[in-house]
Protein backbone atom coordinates (compact mmCIF):
# COMPACT_ATOMS: atom_id res chain seq x y z
CA UNK A 1 18.42 -6.97 -26.42
CA UNK A 2 16.64 -10.32 -26.19
CA UNK A 3 12.78 -10.37 -25.75
CA UNK A 4 13.16 -11.32 -22.20
CA UNK A 5 15.55 -8.42 -21.44
CA UNK A 6 13.00 -6.04 -22.98
CA UNK A 7 10.11 -7.84 -21.08
CA UNK A 8 12.05 -7.38 -17.74
CA UNK A 9 12.85 -3.76 -18.47
CA UNK A 10 9.19 -3.04 -19.10
CA UNK A 11 8.17 -4.71 -15.81
CA UNK A 12 10.92 -3.05 -13.79
CA UNK A 13 9.90 0.47 -15.12
CA UNK A 14 6.51 -0.20 -14.41
CA UNK A 15 7.22 -1.24 -10.71
CA UNK A 16 9.63 1.72 -10.13
CA UNK A 17 6.82 4.19 -11.41
CA UNK A 18 4.52 2.75 -9.03
CA UNK A 19 6.92 2.69 -6.29
CA UNK A 20 7.42 6.39 -6.62
CA UNK A 21 3.48 6.86 -6.45
CA UNK A 22 3.80 5.22 -3.15
CA UNK A 23 6.59 7.29 -1.92
CA UNK A 24 9.23 4.71 -2.14
CA UNK A 25 12.19 4.92 -4.52
CA UNK A 26 12.98 2.39 -7.05
CA UNK A 27 16.24 1.39 -9.09
CA UNK A 28 16.86 -1.25 -11.82
CA UNK A 29 20.09 -2.96 -12.48
CA UNK A 30 21.02 -5.93 -14.63
CA UNK A 31 23.63 -7.83 -12.54
CA UNK A 32 24.45 -8.76 -8.92
CA UNK A 33 27.81 -6.72 -9.36
CA UNK A 34 25.85 -3.68 -10.38
CA UNK A 35 23.39 -4.04 -7.43
CA UNK A 36 26.35 -4.38 -4.97
CA UNK A 37 28.01 -0.99 -6.58
CA UNK A 38 24.68 0.82 -6.43
CA UNK A 39 23.96 -0.25 -2.80
CA UNK A 40 27.35 1.00 -1.53
CA UNK A 41 26.87 4.10 -3.44
CA UNK A 42 23.40 4.67 -1.57
CA UNK A 43 24.76 3.80 1.90
CA UNK A 44 27.09 6.52 3.29
CA UNK A 45 30.33 5.74 5.08
CA UNK A 46 29.95 5.88 8.94
CA UNK A 47 26.45 4.51 8.62
CA UNK A 48 25.18 2.27 11.41
CA UNK A 49 23.60 -0.80 9.43
CA UNK A 50 21.60 -3.91 10.54
CA UNK A 51 19.87 -6.50 8.40
CA UNK A 52 17.42 -9.29 8.28
CA UNK A 53 17.54 -12.81 7.09
CA UNK A 54 18.16 -12.45 3.33
CA UNK A 55 19.82 -14.61 0.76
CA UNK A 56 19.53 -11.87 -1.76
CA UNK A 57 21.83 -9.42 0.19
CA UNK A 58 24.30 -12.39 0.62
CA UNK A 59 24.13 -13.34 -2.93
CA UNK A 60 25.28 -9.89 -4.21
CA UNK A 61 28.24 -9.72 -1.66
CA UNK A 62 26.70 -6.76 0.39
CA UNK A 63 27.49 -8.07 3.80
CA UNK A 64 31.10 -9.03 2.82
CA UNK A 65 31.56 -5.53 1.27
CA UNK A 66 30.35 -3.71 4.38
CA UNK A 67 32.67 -5.55 6.66
CA UNK A 68 35.61 -4.23 4.47
CA UNK A 69 34.13 -0.66 4.73
CA UNK A 70 33.92 1.98 7.31
CA UNK A 71 30.58 1.38 9.05
CA UNK A 72 29.25 0.13 12.25
CA UNK A 73 27.44 -3.15 11.71
CA UNK A 74 24.78 -4.91 13.97
CA UNK A 75 25.19 -8.53 13.04
CA UNK A 76 23.14 -11.16 14.67
CA UNK A 77 25.28 -13.83 13.14
CA UNK A 78 28.14 -12.90 15.61
CA UNK A 79 25.92 -13.14 18.66
CA UNK A 80 26.53 -15.97 21.05
CA UNK A 81 23.48 -15.85 23.02
CA UNK A 82 19.75 -15.28 22.37
CA UNK A 83 19.92 -12.20 24.40
CA UNK A 84 22.66 -10.64 22.36
CA UNK A 85 20.40 -11.71 19.44
CA UNK A 86 17.39 -9.90 20.91
CA UNK A 87 19.51 -6.85 21.60
CA UNK A 88 20.73 -6.71 17.84
CA UNK A 89 17.06 -6.91 16.89
CA UNK A 90 16.22 -3.99 18.83
CA UNK A 91 19.47 -1.89 17.68
CA UNK A 92 17.92 -2.24 14.16
CA UNK A 93 15.31 0.32 14.96
CA UNK A 94 18.01 2.97 15.64
CA UNK A 95 20.20 2.18 12.64
CA UNK A 96 20.67 4.39 9.66
CA UNK A 97 20.13 1.62 7.12
CA UNK A 98 18.17 -1.61 7.46
CA UNK A 99 18.95 -4.10 4.67
CA UNK A 100 16.70 -6.87 3.60
CA UNK A 101 14.78 -8.31 0.52
CA UNK A 102 11.00 -8.83 -0.18
CA UNK A 103 9.39 -11.96 -0.66
CA UNK A 104 7.48 -10.71 -3.42
CA UNK A 105 6.69 -7.39 -5.16
CA UNK A 106 3.80 -6.58 -7.23
CA UNK A 107 3.69 -4.70 -10.74
CA UNK A 108 1.71 -1.96 -8.86
CA UNK A 109 4.47 -1.41 -6.28
CA UNK A 110 3.27 -3.27 -3.21
CA UNK A 111 5.80 -5.23 -1.15
CA UNK A 112 4.69 -8.45 0.59
CA UNK A 113 6.62 -10.20 3.26
CA UNK A 114 5.96 -13.14 5.50
CA UNK A 115 8.07 -13.41 8.63
CA UNK A 116 8.76 -15.84 11.42
CA UNK A 117 10.11 -13.88 14.34
CA UNK A 118 8.60 -10.67 12.94
CA UNK A 119 11.99 -8.47 13.65
CA UNK A 120 12.33 -8.17 9.81
CA UNK A 121 9.10 -6.75 8.92
CA UNK A 122 8.87 -4.79 12.00
CA UNK A 123 12.07 -2.79 11.18
CA UNK A 124 11.03 -2.41 7.54
CA UNK A 125 7.58 -0.90 8.95
CA UNK A 126 9.15 1.50 11.49
CA UNK A 127 12.57 2.55 13.05
CA UNK A 128 15.58 2.72 10.90
CA UNK A 129 16.11 5.95 8.88
CA UNK A 130 16.37 4.04 5.63
CA UNK A 131 15.14 0.44 4.44
CA UNK A 132 17.17 -0.87 1.43
CA UNK A 133 15.79 -3.82 -0.31
CA UNK A 134 17.65 -6.09 -2.80
CA UNK A 135 14.91 -7.77 -5.01
CA UNK A 136 15.50 -10.15 -7.85
CA UNK A 137 12.82 -10.02 -10.53
CA UNK A 138 12.06 -13.61 -10.00
CA UNK A 139 9.93 -12.20 -6.98
CA UNK A 140 7.75 -10.06 -9.05
CA UNK A 141 4.07 -10.96 -9.03
CA UNK A 142 1.06 -9.73 -11.00
CA UNK A 143 -1.04 -8.54 -7.99
CA UNK A 144 -1.30 -8.77 -4.35
CA UNK A 145 -3.30 -12.12 -4.31
CA UNK A 146 -0.60 -13.74 -6.74
CA UNK A 147 2.22 -12.15 -4.47
CA UNK A 148 0.79 -13.75 -1.29
CA UNK A 149 0.41 -17.08 -2.87
CA UNK A 150 3.84 -17.10 -4.13
CA UNK A 151 5.14 -16.55 -0.84
CA UNK A 152 2.96 -19.21 0.99
CA UNK A 153 3.66 -21.76 -1.63
CA UNK A 154 7.02 -21.16 -2.97
CA UNK A 155 9.11 -18.89 -0.82
CA UNK A 156 8.23 -20.19 2.50
CA UNK A 157 8.44 -23.71 1.58
CA UNK A 158 11.99 -23.17 0.24
CA UNK A 159 13.02 -21.16 3.23
CA UNK A 160 11.61 -24.01 5.42
CA UNK A 161 13.74 -26.51 3.70
CA UNK A 162 16.76 -24.33 3.93
CA UNK A 163 16.45 -23.64 7.64
CA UNK A 164 15.39 -27.43 7.98
CA UNK A 165 12.15 -26.59 9.88
CA UNK A 166 9.52 -29.11 10.93
CA UNK A 167 6.68 -28.00 8.91
CA UNK A 168 4.24 -29.57 6.54
CA UNK A 169 5.52 -27.31 3.79
CA UNK A 170 9.15 -28.60 4.12
CA UNK A 171 7.78 -32.11 3.45
CA UNK A 172 4.98 -31.43 1.05
CA UNK A 173 6.04 -28.43 -0.72
CA UNK A 174 3.00 -26.13 -0.28
CA UNK A 175 1.34 -24.28 2.42
CA UNK A 176 -0.75 -25.99 5.08
CA UNK A 177 -1.61 -23.10 7.23
CA UNK A 178 0.23 -24.65 10.01
CA UNK A 179 0.02 -23.69 13.67
CA UNK A 180 3.36 -24.76 15.48
CA UNK A 181 6.28 -23.33 17.04
CA UNK A 182 8.38 -24.19 14.05
CA UNK A 183 6.20 -22.12 11.40
CA UNK A 184 8.25 -19.38 9.68
CA UNK A 185 4.77 -17.81 8.52
CA UNK A 186 3.78 -15.87 11.74
CA UNK A 187 3.30 -12.40 10.25
CA UNK A 188 2.32 -11.19 6.72
CA UNK A 189 2.76 -7.63 5.92
CA UNK A 190 1.79 -5.62 2.83
CA UNK A 191 3.60 -2.39 2.33
CA UNK A 192 1.53 -0.24 0.10
CA UNK A 193 2.79 3.18 0.94
CA UNK A 194 5.45 5.04 2.85
CA UNK A 195 4.57 7.97 4.98
CA UNK A 196 8.20 9.14 4.73
CA UNK A 197 9.33 9.79 1.23
CA UNK A 198 12.12 7.51 -0.11
CA UNK A 199 12.89 5.97 3.23
CA UNK A 200 12.11 2.68 1.63
CA UNK A 201 14.49 2.06 -1.49
CA UNK A 202 14.14 -0.83 -3.78
CA UNK A 203 16.85 -2.16 -6.05
CA UNK A 204 15.50 -4.51 -8.62
CA UNK A 205 17.89 -6.93 -10.09
CA UNK A 206 17.36 -8.69 -13.48
CA UNK A 207 19.25 -11.81 -12.00
CA UNK A 208 17.43 -14.43 -9.87
CA UNK A 209 18.05 -13.81 -6.18
CA UNK A 210 16.68 -15.51 -3.14
CA UNK A 211 13.42 -17.33 -3.08
């Protein structure tokens, strides 16, 4: 193995051990293909599934694979009205699995997210029977302060650019703590423990995923 691969394995092992201490379950894989296979192994056939906005779950091909399987999917991309979107947001709370990523994850096993509408973090916190997160090692941060900084000054500006939001971070590349209807930074959550053991499952992927 290369020094980088050894370094990544050390950090992944550390995160998984700390997730377990926090009543969450962690896995480590090398590639997108391995992440997809593991995710499909974790999700039983016939499951009801919903997901939040996530480039990571798209990049490993998970949504396409689910449409080719035996599942009931609540997909807001198929909605044609805001009312339908809102209904799907609420159906997420009754699903067997909720799929998402994390905006950052710390070496000591905390999961940090910043959300615009709030539906994604709300479902991660409470409701769905299982939460499955696909997280590239590019999202690892040393500690909570570094993780929040990463999300505010890298992930959020990148997503604002991707979504073509009229925010200062889209133009200048870093957070201005803006207050406007265009902001995608309405809610910040730090998941430091799960009351229900292994409800939250994290697949760490050595490849870069998302922002």
